[in-house]
Protein backbone atom coordinates (compact mmCIF):
# COMPACT_ATOMS: atom_id res chain seq x y z
CA MET A 1 -138.89 -165.63 34.77
CA TYR A 2 -140.30 -162.45 36.30
CA ILE A 3 -142.56 -159.95 34.61
CA TYR A 4 -142.20 -156.07 34.92
CA ASN A 5 -145.59 -154.93 33.91
CA VAL A 6 -146.49 -151.32 32.94
CA THR A 7 -150.33 -150.27 32.42
CA ILE A 8 -150.58 -147.19 30.57
CA LEU A 9 -153.53 -145.21 30.27
CA ILE A 10 -152.97 -142.80 27.11
CA GLU A 11 -154.99 -140.16 26.10
CA ARG A 12 -156.88 -140.61 22.81
CA ASP A 13 -155.48 -137.76 20.85
CA ALA A 14 -151.80 -139.06 21.47
CA GLU A 15 -152.58 -142.83 21.14
CA GLU A 16 -151.34 -143.33 17.51
CA ALA A 17 -148.15 -141.53 17.97
CA TRP A 18 -147.57 -143.25 21.21
CA LEU A 19 -148.05 -146.70 19.81
CA ARG A 20 -145.51 -145.89 17.07
CA TRP A 21 -143.01 -144.42 19.56
CA MET A 22 -143.39 -147.66 21.91
CA GLN A 23 -143.07 -149.96 19.11
CA GLN A 24 -139.94 -148.17 17.38
CA THR A 25 -138.20 -146.11 20.29
CA HIS A 26 -139.21 -147.21 23.77
CA ILE A 27 -139.38 -150.89 23.84
CA PRO A 28 -136.16 -151.34 21.92
CA GLU A 29 -134.47 -149.17 24.47
CA MET A 30 -136.03 -151.07 27.27
CA LEU A 31 -134.62 -154.28 25.35
CA ALA A 32 -131.40 -152.76 24.97
CA THR A 33 -130.82 -152.24 28.54
CA GLN A 34 -130.14 -156.39 28.53
CA LYS A 35 -132.23 -156.59 31.59
CA PHE A 36 -135.49 -158.19 29.65
CA VAL A 37 -135.36 -161.01 27.23
CA LYS A 38 -138.85 -160.02 25.60
CA ALA A 39 -141.79 -157.73 25.67
CA ASN A 40 -145.45 -158.08 24.81
CA MET A 41 -148.04 -155.38 24.66
CA HIS A 42 -151.64 -156.03 25.02
CA LYS A 43 -154.54 -153.50 24.83
CA VAL A 44 -156.61 -153.70 27.76
CA ILE A 45 -160.46 -154.41 26.67
CA SER A 46 -161.93 -154.70 30.27
CA SER A 47 -164.77 -152.70 31.40
CA PHE A 48 -162.75 -149.78 32.98
CA GLU A 49 -161.50 -148.53 29.54
CA THR A 50 -162.88 -145.24 28.40
CA SER A 51 -162.95 -143.78 25.09
CA GLU A 52 -160.83 -140.74 26.33
CA HIS A 53 -158.16 -143.13 28.05
CA PRO A 54 -157.66 -146.28 26.04
CA SER A 55 -155.22 -148.61 28.18
CA TYR A 56 -152.27 -150.69 27.11
CA ALA A 57 -150.21 -153.54 29.43
CA VAL A 58 -146.68 -154.03 28.45
CA GLN A 59 -144.91 -156.78 29.96
CA TYR A 60 -141.24 -157.17 30.09
CA THR A 61 -139.85 -160.51 30.86
CA ALA A 62 -136.57 -160.75 33.11
CA LYS A 63 -134.74 -163.83 33.58
CA THR A 64 -134.35 -162.88 37.63
CA TYR A 65 -135.93 -160.17 40.15
CA GLU A 66 -132.40 -158.66 40.22
CA ASP A 67 -132.51 -157.82 36.57
CA ILE A 68 -135.51 -155.77 37.16
CA GLN A 69 -133.97 -154.06 40.49
CA THR A 70 -130.84 -153.52 38.02
CA TYR A 71 -133.05 -151.81 35.60
CA TYR A 72 -134.50 -149.57 38.24
CA ALA A 73 -130.92 -148.58 39.42
CA GLN A 74 -129.19 -148.02 36.06
CA HIS A 75 -131.84 -147.30 33.37
CA ALA A 76 -135.56 -146.40 34.78
CA ALA A 77 -134.96 -142.75 35.33
CA ARG A 78 -133.22 -142.22 31.99
CA LEU A 79 -136.17 -144.09 30.08
CA ARG A 80 -139.02 -142.41 32.16
CA ASP A 81 -137.76 -139.08 31.52
CA ALA A 82 -137.57 -139.80 27.68
CA ALA A 83 -141.35 -141.00 27.99
CA PHE A 84 -142.15 -137.54 29.81
CA ALA A 85 -140.27 -135.83 27.23
CA ALA A 86 -142.01 -137.07 24.47
CA PHE A 87 -145.70 -137.23 25.88
CA GLY A 88 -145.74 -135.25 28.91
CA ASN A 89 -148.79 -135.34 30.65
CA LYS A 90 -150.91 -137.45 28.33
CA PHE A 91 -150.28 -140.67 29.97
CA ILE A 92 -150.35 -142.32 33.37
CA ALA A 93 -148.40 -145.42 33.98
CA ILE A 94 -148.87 -147.95 36.67
CA ARG A 95 -146.10 -150.42 37.35
CA THR A 96 -146.04 -153.66 38.81
CA GLU A 97 -143.68 -156.69 39.42
CA LEU A 98 -145.06 -160.02 38.86
CA GLU A 99 -143.34 -163.32 40.29
CA PRO A 100 -144.37 -166.69 38.91
CA VAL A 101 -146.38 -168.94 41.12
CA PHE A 102 -147.29 -171.70 38.93
CA GLU A 103 -148.41 -172.33 34.98
CA LEU A 104 -151.05 -174.85 33.72
CA LYS A 105 -151.25 -175.75 29.99
CA ASN A 106 -154.66 -177.04 28.39
CA THR A 107 -153.96 -180.63 27.84
CA ILE A 108 -157.21 -181.39 25.92
CA LYS A 109 -156.68 -181.60 22.16
């Protein structure tokens, strides 16, 4: 599984509407592309967060790296345009692709 990670800095005055839009519109549209099997959203709580621009990380899980590349070619422009139409310059998005290396699980009970 590969991760398409989008970290977003959103202006505080748009945060509530943006969170609703992400949950009700954008993430369902991303999943509807059939290129991702699930999505998770996390609020960034590390030290670089400011009260002016809260940050969120959205992780879309793809079965293959080719699925992410196909998403870029067939869907990314349309979905990014929709985000800008809805929120204009109220956000900044930083996109990264993550390849699995290994996973360790805690076996201590």
